Amino acid sequence: MRRRDARSRRRAAGNARSARHALWRRASSCACEAVAAREAAKRWSAP
């Protein structure tokens, strides 16, 4: 029972990750994605 619960939890995490990845790929297909990525890199490199 506990093992099946852990497996389902892992599968749910994988589904969330794949959904987020698909959403990111859809956003990256937009032409403004390069600008957004540059802004994000600037924000991450900022102290």
PDB file of N, CA and C in Angstrom:
ATOM      1  N   MET A   1       0.843  -1.207   0.000  1.00  0.00           N
ATOM      2  CA  MET A   1       0.000   0.000   0.000  1.00  0.00           C
ATOM      3  C   MET A   1       0.876   1.255   0.000  1.00  0.00           C
ATOM      4  N   ARG A   2       1.838   1.289   0.917  1.00  0.00           N
ATOM      5  CA  ARG A   2       2.702   2.464   0.988  1.00  0.00           C
ATOM      6  C   ARG A   2       3.542   2.591  -0.282  1.00  0.00           C
ATOM      7  N   ARG A   3       3.980   1.420  -0.805  1.00  0.00           N
ATOM      8  CA  ARG A   3       4.808   1.463  -2.009  1.00  0.00           C
ATOM      9  C   ARG A   3       4.007   2.032  -3.179  1.00  0.00           C
ATOM     10  N   ARG A   4       2.744   1.611  -3.313  1.00  0.00           N
ATOM     11  CA  ARG A   4       1.933   2.111  -4.417  1.00  0.00           C
ATOM     12  C   ARG A   4       1.705   3.624  -4.258  1.00  0.00           C
ATOM     13  N   ASP A   5       1.534   4.077  -3.003  1.00  0.00           N
ATOM     14  CA  ASP A   5       1.319   5.502  -2.768  1.00  0.00           C
ATOM     15  C   ASP A   5       2.548   6.300  -3.210  1.00  0.00           C
ATOM     16  N   ALA A   6       3.737   5.795  -2.875  1.00  0.00           N
ATOM     17  CA  ALA A   6       4.965   6.493  -3.266  1.00  0.00           C
ATOM     18  C   ALA A   6       5.095   6.525  -4.784  1.00  0.00           C
ATOM     19  N   ARG A   7       4.736   5.405  -5.431  1.00  0.00           N
ATOM     20  CA  ARG A   7       4.864   5.371  -6.882  1.00  0.00           C
ATOM     21  C   ARG A   7       3.915   6.378  -7.524  1.00  0.00           C
ATOM     22  N   SER A   8       2.681   6.461  -7.011  1.00  0.00           N
ATOM     23  CA  SER A   8       1.721   7.408  -7.594  1.00  0.00           C
ATOM     24  C   SER A   8       2.187   8.845  -7.349  1.00  0.00           C
ATOM     25  N   ARG A   9       2.796   9.078  -6.180  1.00  0.00           N
ATOM     26  CA  ARG A   9       3.275  10.434  -5.903  1.00  0.00           C
ATOM     27  C   ARG A   9       4.391  10.800  -6.877  1.00  0.00           C
ATOM     28  N   ARG A  10       5.290   9.810  -7.140  1.00  0.00           N
ATOM     29  CA  ARG A  10       6.379  10.078  -8.080  1.00  0.00           C
ATOM     30  C   ARG A  10       5.818  10.341  -9.472  1.00  0.00           C
ATOM     31  N   ARG A  11       4.793   9.585  -9.862  1.00  0.00           N
ATOM     32  CA  ARG A  11       4.212   9.792 -11.186  1.00  0.00           C
ATOM     33  C   ARG A  11       3.560  11.175 -11.265  1.00  0.00           C
ATOM     34  N   ALA A  12       2.908  11.614 -10.186  1.00  0.00           N
ATOM     35  CA  ALA A  12       2.284  12.937 -10.192  1.00  0.00           C
ATOM     36  C   ALA A  12       3.356  14.017 -10.342  1.00  0.00           C
ATOM     37  N   ALA A  13       4.497  13.829  -9.668  1.00  0.00           N
ATOM     38  CA  ALA A  13       5.580  14.806  -9.795  1.00  0.00           C
ATOM     39  C   ALA A  13       6.096  14.830 -11.229  1.00  0.00           C
ATOM     40  N   GLY A  14       6.232  13.656 -11.850  1.00  0.00           N
ATOM     41  CA  GLY A  14       6.692  13.600 -13.238  1.00  0.00           C
ATOM     42  C   GLY A  14       5.700  14.271 -14.166  1.00  0.00           C
ATOM     43  N   ASN A  15       4.401  14.083 -13.910  1.00  0.00           N
ATOM     44  CA  ASN A  15       3.395  14.725 -14.755  1.00  0.00           C
ATOM     45  C   ASN A  15       3.486  16.243 -14.641  1.00  0.00           C
ATOM     46  N   ALA A  16       3.666  16.749 -13.416  1.00  0.00           N
ATOM     47  CA  ALA A  16       3.772  18.194 -13.228  1.00  0.00           C
ATOM     48  C   ALA A  16       5.003  18.727 -13.956  1.00  0.00           C
ATOM     49  N   ARG A  17       6.114  17.964 -13.876  1.00  0.00           N
ATOM     50  CA  ARG A  17       7.335  18.425 -14.525  1.00  0.00           C
ATOM     51  C   ARG A  17       7.159  18.454 -16.041  1.00  0.00           C
ATOM     52  N   SER A  18       6.539  17.416 -16.599  1.00  0.00           N
ATOM     53  CA  SER A  18       6.358  17.376 -18.054  1.00  0.00           C
ATOM     54  C   SER A  18       5.397  18.476 -18.499  1.00  0.00           C
ATOM     55  N   ALA A  19       4.379  18.758 -17.683  1.00  0.00           N
ATOM     56  CA  ALA A  19       3.437  19.824 -18.042  1.00  0.00           C
ATOM     57  C   ALA A  19       4.151  21.173 -18.036  1.00  0.00           C
ATOM     58  N   ARG A  20       5.007  21.388 -17.028  1.00  0.00           N
ATOM     59  CA  ARG A  20       5.743  22.646 -16.966  1.00  0.00           C
ATOM     60  C   ARG A  20       6.682  22.754 -18.166  1.00  0.00           C
ATOM     61  N   HIS A  21       7.302  21.621 -18.547  1.00  0.00           N
ATOM     62  CA  HIS A  21       8.223  21.631 -19.683  1.00  0.00           C
ATOM     63  C   HIS A  21       7.473  21.955 -20.973  1.00  0.00           C
ATOM     64  N   ALA A  22       6.276  21.376 -21.141  1.00  0.00           N
ATOM     65  CA  ALA A  22       5.487  21.661 -22.344  1.00  0.00           C
ATOM     66  C   ALA A  22       5.087  23.135 -22.366  1.00  0.00           C
ATOM     67  N   LEU A  23       4.741  23.679 -21.204  1.00  0.00           N
ATOM     68  CA  LEU A  23       4.356  25.093 -21.144  1.00  0.00           C
ATOM     69  C   LEU A  23       5.560  25.963 -21.525  1.00  0.00           C
ATOM     70  N   TRP A  24       6.761  25.600 -21.034  1.00  0.00           N
ATOM     71  CA  TRP A  24       7.955  26.382 -21.363  1.00  0.00           C
ATOM     72  C   TRP A  24       8.255  26.301 -22.858  1.00  0.00           C
ATOM     73  N   ARG A  25       8.064  25.102 -23.473  1.00  0.00           N
ATOM     74  CA  ARG A  25       8.330  24.975 -24.903  1.00  0.00           C
ATOM     75  C   ARG A  25       7.337  25.810 -25.696  1.00  0.00           C
ATOM     76  N   ARG A  26       6.074  25.867 -25.249  1.00  0.00           N
ATOM     77  CA  ARG A  26       5.089  26.678 -25.946  1.00  0.00           C
ATOM     78  C   ARG A  26       5.474  28.160 -25.829  1.00  0.00           C
ATOM     79  N   ALA A  27       5.970  28.569 -24.658  1.00  0.00           N
ATOM     80  CA  ALA A  27       6.372  29.965 -24.486  1.00  0.00           C
ATOM     81  C   ALA A  27       7.619  30.264 -25.318  1.00  0.00           C
ATOM     82  N   SER A  28       8.535  29.288 -25.422  1.00  0.00           N
ATOM     83  CA  SER A  28       9.773  29.531 -26.163  1.00  0.00           C
ATOM     84  C   SER A  28       9.513  29.593 -27.664  1.00  0.00           C
ATOM     85  N   SER A  29       8.356  29.100 -28.112  1.00  0.00           N
ATOM     86  CA  SER A  29       8.042  29.203 -29.542  1.00  0.00           C
ATOM     87  C   SER A  29       7.664  30.639 -29.897  1.00  0.00           C
ATOM     88  N   CYS A  30       7.361  31.455 -28.870  1.00  0.00           N
ATOM     89  CA  CYS A  30       7.013  32.858 -29.123  1.00  0.00           C
ATOM     90  C   CYS A  30       8.273  33.622 -29.523  1.00  0.00           C
ATOM     91  N   ALA A  31       8.097  34.657 -30.333  1.00  0.00           N
ATOM     92  CA  ALA A  31       9.252  35.418 -30.820  1.00  0.00           C
ATOM     93  C   ALA A  31       9.890  36.234 -29.696  1.00  0.00           C
ATOM     94  N   CYS A  32       9.094  36.614 -28.691  1.00  0.00           N
ATOM     95  CA  CYS A  32       9.640  37.453 -27.615  1.00  0.00           C
ATOM     96  C   CYS A  32      10.364  36.609 -26.567  1.00  0.00           C
ATOM     97  N   GLU A  33      10.490  35.287 -26.808  1.00  0.00           N
ATOM     98  CA  GLU A  33      11.115  34.416 -25.814  1.00  0.00           C
ATOM     99  C   GLU A  33      12.574  34.800 -25.568  1.00  0.00           C
ATOM    100  N   ALA A  34      13.283  35.218 -26.618  1.00  0.00           N
ATOM    101  CA  ALA A  34      14.692  35.582 -26.446  1.00  0.00           C
ATOM    102  C   ALA A  34      14.822  36.770 -25.496  1.00  0.00           C
ATOM    103  N   VAL A  35      13.941  37.751 -25.666  1.00  0.00           N
ATOM    104  CA  VAL A  35      13.982  38.921 -24.783  1.00  0.00           C
ATOM    105  C   VAL A  35      13.651  38.496 -23.355  1.00  0.00           C
ATOM    106  N   ALA A  36      12.638  37.645 -23.193  1.00  0.00           N
ATOM    107  CA  ALA A  36      12.261  37.194 -21.855  1.00  0.00           C
ATOM    108  C   ALA A  36      13.410  36.420 -21.209  1.00  0.00           C
ATOM    109  N   ALA A  37      14.084  35.570 -21.984  1.00  0.00           N
ATOM    110  CA  ALA A  37      15.205  34.804 -21.441  1.00  0.00           C
ATOM    111  C   ALA A  37      16.337  35.739 -21.028  1.00  0.00           C
ATOM    112  N   ARG A  38      16.588  36.775 -21.834  1.00  0.00           N
ATOM    113  CA  ARG A  38      17.650  37.715 -21.492  1.00  0.00           C
ATOM    114  C   ARG A  38      17.298  38.457 -20.199  1.00  0.00           C
ATOM    115  N   GLU A  39      16.026  38.861 -20.081  1.00  0.00           N
ATOM    116  CA  GLU A  39      15.603  39.555 -18.858  1.00  0.00           C
ATOM    117  C   GLU A  39      15.737  38.625 -17.646  1.00  0.00           C
ATOM    118  N   ALA A  40      15.353  37.354 -17.827  1.00  0.00           N
ATOM    119  CA  ALA A  40      15.451  36.402 -16.719  1.00  0.00           C
ATOM    120  C   ALA A  40      16.913  36.202 -16.326  1.00  0.00           C
ATOM    121  N   ALA A  41      17.804  36.101 -17.306  1.00  0.00           N
ATOM    122  CA  ALA A  41      19.228  35.928 -17.005  1.00  0.00           C
ATOM    123  C   ALA A  41      19.756  37.151 -16.258  1.00  0.00           C
ATOM    124  N   LYS A  42      19.314  38.332 -16.683  1.00  0.00           N
ATOM    125  CA  LYS A  42      19.750  39.547 -16.010  1.00  0.00           C
ATOM    126  C   LYS A  42      19.264  39.539 -14.554  1.00  0.00           C
ATOM    127  N   ARG A  43      18.001  39.104 -14.363  1.00  0.00           N
ATOM    128  CA  ARG A  43      17.432  39.082 -13.019  1.00  0.00           C
ATOM    129  C   ARG A  43      18.174  38.074 -12.146  1.00  0.00           C
ATOM    130  N   TRP A  44      18.540  36.905 -12.730  1.00  0.00           N
ATOM    131  CA  TRP A  44      19.222  35.892 -11.932  1.00  0.00           C
ATOM    132  C   TRP A  44      20.644  36.343 -11.586  1.00  0.00           C
ATOM    133  N   SER A  45      21.317  37.019 -12.524  1.00  0.00           N
ATOM    134  CA  SER A  45      22.699  37.421 -12.262  1.00  0.00           C
ATOM    135  C   SER A  45      22.762  38.622 -11.323  1.00  0.00           C
ATOM    136  N   ALA A  46      21.636  39.334 -11.164  1.00  0.00           N
ATOM    137  CA  ALA A  46      21.630  40.506 -10.275  1.00  0.00           C
ATOM    138  C   ALA A  46      21.816  40.045  -8.826  1.00  0.00           C
ATOM    139  N   PRO A  47      22.544  40.794  -8.020  1.00  0.00           N
ATOM    140  CA  PRO A  47      22.799  40.413  -6.621  1.00  0.00           C
ATOM    141  C   PRO A  47      21.544  40.534  -5.751  1.00  0.00           C
TER     142      PRO A  47
END
